[in-house]
Amino acid sequence: QVQLVESGGGLVQAGGSLRLSCAASGRTFSITDMGWFRQAPGKERDFVVGSRWSGSTTYYADSVKGRFTISRDNAKNTVYLQMDSLKPEDTAVYYCAARVRTTFVVRTLRSEYDFWGQGTQVTVSS
């Protein structure tokens, strides 16, 4: 089992920045990929960014490319999502996800991740 705990959400004005954290615990050695997804009210949970646990490959959704950056601190088993130039349409609950099944490419579908955090709310005001 892998446990994930997100933090860092909040309220920010358009154009501002936030950094989300996702702390992983448990069988972290089994993680192959880490990802961030988001879900706005009444909408599906959408892929934001995915990265190999090693950091070798990263893939961003077009909607956040150039504005969001994923990074990690391996010593702390923590993944970060730096969000800059935030827009009102970025408002959503953001979820951290981990995949433990073998993979050779970054995964972008919700069903391809095995463990999820509880989510953290990000609200961007106009």
C-alpha atoms as a PDB file:
ATOM      1  CA  GLN A   1       0.000   0.000   0.000  1.00  0.00           C
ATOM      2  CA  VAL A   2       0.986   3.588  -0.639  1.00  0.00           C
ATOM      3  CA  GLN A   3      -0.447   6.523   1.266  1.00  0.00           C
ATOM      4  CA  LEU A   4      -0.533  10.005  -0.252  1.00  0.00           C
ATOM      5  CA  VAL A   5      -1.222  13.258   1.547  1.00  0.00           C
ATOM      6  CA  GLU A   6      -1.604  16.519  -0.341  1.00  0.00           C
ATOM      7  CA  SER A   7      -1.210  20.001   1.086  1.00  0.00           C
ATOM      8  CA  GLY A   8      -0.713  23.562  -0.084  1.00  0.00           C
ATOM      9  CA  GLY A   9      -4.045  24.429  -1.641  1.00  0.00           C
ATOM     10  CA  GLY A  10      -5.794  27.723  -1.021  1.00  0.00           C
ATOM     11  CA  LEU A  11      -7.244  30.877  -2.490  1.00  0.00           C
ATOM     12  CA  VAL A  12      -5.161  32.988  -4.865  1.00  0.00           C
ATOM     13  CA  GLN A  13      -5.813  35.777  -7.308  1.00  0.00           C
ATOM     14  CA  ALA A  14      -5.466  35.258 -11.029  1.00  0.00           C
ATOM     15  CA  GLY A  15      -1.844  35.545 -12.072  1.00  0.00           C
ATOM     16  CA  GLY A  16      -0.634  34.306  -8.711  1.00  0.00           C
ATOM     17  CA  SER A  17       1.193  31.153  -7.691  1.00  0.00           C
ATOM     18  CA  LEU A  18       0.727  28.183  -5.394  1.00  0.00           C
ATOM     19  CA  ARG A  19       2.827  25.146  -4.618  1.00  0.00           C
ATOM     20  CA  LEU A  20       1.153  21.863  -3.809  1.00  0.00           C
ATOM     21  CA  SER A  21       2.913  19.059  -1.980  1.00  0.00           C
ATOM     22  CA  CYS A  22       2.236  15.343  -2.009  1.00  0.00           C
ATOM     23  CA  ALA A  23       3.936  13.253   0.649  1.00  0.00           C
ATOM     24  CA  ALA A  24       4.111   9.534  -0.069  1.00  0.00           C
ATOM     25  CA  SER A  25       4.519   6.852   2.574  1.00  0.00           C
ATOM     26  CA  GLY A  26       4.275   3.093   2.824  1.00  0.00           C
ATOM     27  CA  ARG A  27       5.649   0.971  -0.018  1.00  0.00           C
ATOM     28  CA  THR A  28       7.128   3.920  -1.885  1.00  0.00           C
ATOM     29  CA  PHE A  29       9.780   1.684  -3.438  1.00  0.00           C
ATOM     30  CA  SER A  30       7.014   0.188  -5.584  1.00  0.00           C
ATOM     31  CA  ILE A  31       5.970   3.498  -7.153  1.00  0.00           C
ATOM     32  CA  THR A  32       6.638   3.783 -10.884  1.00  0.00           C
ATOM     33  CA  ASP A  33       4.792   6.990 -11.724  1.00  0.00           C
ATOM     34  CA  MET A  34       3.406   9.988  -9.878  1.00  0.00           C
ATOM     35  CA  GLY A  35       0.707  12.219 -11.237  1.00  0.00           C
ATOM     36  CA  TRP A  36      -1.485  15.187 -10.474  1.00  0.00           C
ATOM     37  CA  PHE A  37      -5.117  15.359 -11.520  1.00  0.00           C
ATOM     38  CA  ARG A  38      -7.788  17.948 -10.898  1.00  0.00           C
ATOM     39  CA  GLN A  39     -11.549  17.958 -10.693  1.00  0.00           C
ATOM     40  CA  ALA A  40     -13.713  21.042 -11.040  1.00  0.00           C
ATOM     41  CA  PRO A  41     -17.322  21.013  -9.782  1.00  0.00           C
ATOM     42  CA  GLY A  42     -19.540  18.973 -12.065  1.00  0.00           C
ATOM     43  CA  LYS A  43     -16.661  17.840 -14.251  1.00  0.00           C
ATOM     44  CA  GLU A  44     -14.509  14.772 -14.713  1.00  0.00           C
ATOM     45  CA  ARG A  45     -11.178  14.328 -12.963  1.00  0.00           C
ATOM     46  CA  ASP A  46      -8.638  15.474 -15.532  1.00  0.00           C
ATOM     47  CA  PHE A  47      -4.956  14.728 -15.953  1.00  0.00           C
ATOM     48  CA  VAL A  48      -2.610  17.614 -15.169  1.00  0.00           C
ATOM     49  CA  VAL A  49       0.897  16.159 -15.153  1.00  0.00           C
ATOM     50  CA  GLY A  50       2.574  12.794 -14.830  1.00  0.00           C
ATOM     51  CA  SER A  51       6.139  11.864 -14.145  1.00  0.00           C
ATOM     52  CA  ARG A  52       8.204   8.735 -13.758  1.00  0.00           C
ATOM     53  CA  TRP A  53       9.145   8.285 -10.111  1.00  0.00           C
ATOM     54  CA  SER A  54      12.763   8.495 -11.228  1.00  0.00           C
ATOM     55  CA  GLY A  55      12.033  11.875 -12.796  1.00  0.00           C
ATOM     56  CA  SER A  56      13.335  10.722 -16.155  1.00  0.00           C
ATOM     57  CA  THR A  57      10.192  11.607 -18.096  1.00  0.00           C
ATOM     58  CA  THR A  58       7.433  14.124 -17.497  1.00  0.00           C
ATOM     59  CA  TYR A  59       4.274  14.859 -19.446  1.00  0.00           C
ATOM     60  CA  TYR A  60       2.028  17.898 -19.004  1.00  0.00           C
ATOM     61  CA  ALA A  61      -1.498  18.532 -20.148  1.00  0.00           C
ATOM     62  CA  ASP A  62      -1.602  21.260 -22.779  1.00  0.00           C
ATOM     63  CA  SER A  63      -3.730  23.444 -20.515  1.00  0.00           C
ATOM     64  CA  VAL A  64      -0.934  23.783 -17.938  1.00  0.00           C
ATOM     65  CA  LYS A  65       2.191  23.449 -20.052  1.00  0.00           C
ATOM     66  CA  GLY A  66       4.570  26.321 -19.403  1.00  0.00           C
ATOM     67  CA  ARG A  67       2.759  27.339 -16.211  1.00  0.00           C
ATOM     68  CA  PHE A  68       2.953  24.274 -13.953  1.00  0.00           C
ATOM     69  CA  THR A  69       6.082  22.377 -12.938  1.00  0.00           C
ATOM     70  CA  ILE A  70       6.370  19.044 -11.176  1.00  0.00           C
ATOM     71  CA  SER A  71       9.382  18.308  -9.021  1.00  0.00           C
ATOM     72  CA  ARG A  72      10.370  15.899  -6.276  1.00  0.00           C
ATOM     73  CA  ASP A  73      12.444  15.493  -3.153  1.00  0.00           C
ATOM     74  CA  ASN A  74      13.411  11.845  -3.097  1.00  0.00           C
ATOM     75  CA  ALA A  75      14.772  12.035   0.417  1.00  0.00           C
ATOM     76  CA  LYS A  76      11.357  13.129   1.652  1.00  0.00           C
ATOM     77  CA  ASN A  77       9.324  10.997  -0.762  1.00  0.00           C
ATOM     78  CA  THR A  78       7.513  14.169  -1.684  1.00  0.00           C
ATOM     79  CA  VAL A  79       6.337  15.453  -5.043  1.00  0.00           C
ATOM     80  CA  TYR A  80       5.555  19.108  -5.643  1.00  0.00           C
ATOM     81  CA  LEU A  81       3.396  20.926  -8.146  1.00  0.00           C
ATOM     82  CA  GLN A  82       4.449  24.523  -8.676  1.00  0.00           C
ATOM     83  CA  MET A  83       1.590  26.427 -10.260  1.00  0.00           C
ATOM     84  CA  ASP A  84       2.322  29.849 -11.748  1.00  0.00           C
ATOM     85  CA  SER A  85       0.251  32.306 -13.765  1.00  0.00           C
ATOM     86  CA  LEU A  86      -2.887  30.786 -12.320  1.00  0.00           C
ATOM     87  CA  LYS A  87      -6.193  31.331 -14.068  1.00  0.00           C
ATOM     88  CA  PRO A  88      -9.766  31.095 -12.753  1.00  0.00           C
ATOM     89  CA  GLU A  89     -10.218  27.969 -14.878  1.00  0.00           C
ATOM     90  CA  ASP A  90      -7.525  26.274 -12.790  1.00  0.00           C
ATOM     91  CA  THR A  91      -9.959  26.233  -9.875  1.00  0.00           C
ATOM     92  CA  ALA A  92     -10.480  22.621  -8.814  1.00  0.00           C
ATOM     93  CA  VAL A  93      -9.695  20.015  -6.234  1.00  0.00           C
ATOM     94  CA  TYR A  94      -6.203  18.750  -7.001  1.00  0.00           C
ATOM     95  CA  TYR A  95      -5.352  15.103  -6.398  1.00  0.00           C
ATOM     96  CA  CYS A  96      -2.019  13.392  -6.189  1.00  0.00           C
ATOM     97  CA  ALA A  97      -1.830   9.865  -7.577  1.00  0.00           C
ATOM     98  CA  ALA A  98       0.683   7.037  -7.619  1.00  0.00           C
ATOM     99  CA  ARG A  99       1.042   4.074  -9.918  1.00  0.00           C
ATOM    100  CA  VAL A 100       2.752   0.852  -8.848  1.00  0.00           C
ATOM    101  CA  ARG A 101       2.136  -1.291 -11.922  1.00  0.00           C
ATOM    102  CA  THR A 102       5.002  -1.696 -14.365  1.00  0.00           C
ATOM    103  CA  THR A 103       5.005   0.901 -17.093  1.00  0.00           C
ATOM    104  CA  PHE A 104       7.335   2.229 -19.761  1.00  0.00           C
ATOM    105  CA  VAL A 105       5.544   5.468 -20.511  1.00  0.00           C
ATOM    106  CA  VAL A 106       3.995   8.220 -18.436  1.00  0.00           C
ATOM    107  CA  ARG A 107       0.331   7.426 -17.800  1.00  0.00           C
ATOM    108  CA  THR A 108      -2.399  10.012 -18.267  1.00  0.00           C
ATOM    109  CA  LEU A 109      -5.650   8.194 -17.451  1.00  0.00           C
ATOM    110  CA  ARG A 110      -7.245   8.150 -14.041  1.00  0.00           C
ATOM    111  CA  SER A 111      -7.703   4.374 -14.228  1.00  0.00           C
ATOM    112  CA  GLU A 112      -3.984   3.857 -14.708  1.00  0.00           C
ATOM    113  CA  TYR A 113      -3.116   5.087 -11.221  1.00  0.00           C
ATOM    114  CA  ASP A 114      -3.469   2.880  -8.171  1.00  0.00           C
ATOM    115  CA  PHE A 115      -3.407   5.142  -5.119  1.00  0.00           C
ATOM    116  CA  TRP A 116      -4.872   8.579  -4.493  1.00  0.00           C
ATOM    117  CA  GLY A 117      -4.615  11.339  -1.972  1.00  0.00           C
ATOM    118  CA  GLN A 118      -7.592  13.039  -0.400  1.00  0.00           C
ATOM    119  CA  GLY A 119      -7.330  16.146  -2.558  1.00  0.00           C
ATOM    120  CA  THR A 120      -6.639  19.798  -1.849  1.00  0.00           C
ATOM    121  CA  GLN A 121      -8.788  22.713  -2.988  1.00  0.00           C
ATOM    122  CA  VAL A 122      -7.308  25.379  -5.243  1.00  0.00           C
ATOM    123  CA  THR A 123      -9.435  28.450  -5.910  1.00  0.00           C
ATOM    124  CA  VAL A 124      -8.327  31.175  -8.301  1.00  0.00           C
ATOM    125  CA  SER A 125     -10.295  34.403  -8.166  1.00  0.00           C
ATOM    126  CA  SER A 126     -10.591  36.753 -11.115  1.00  0.00           C
END
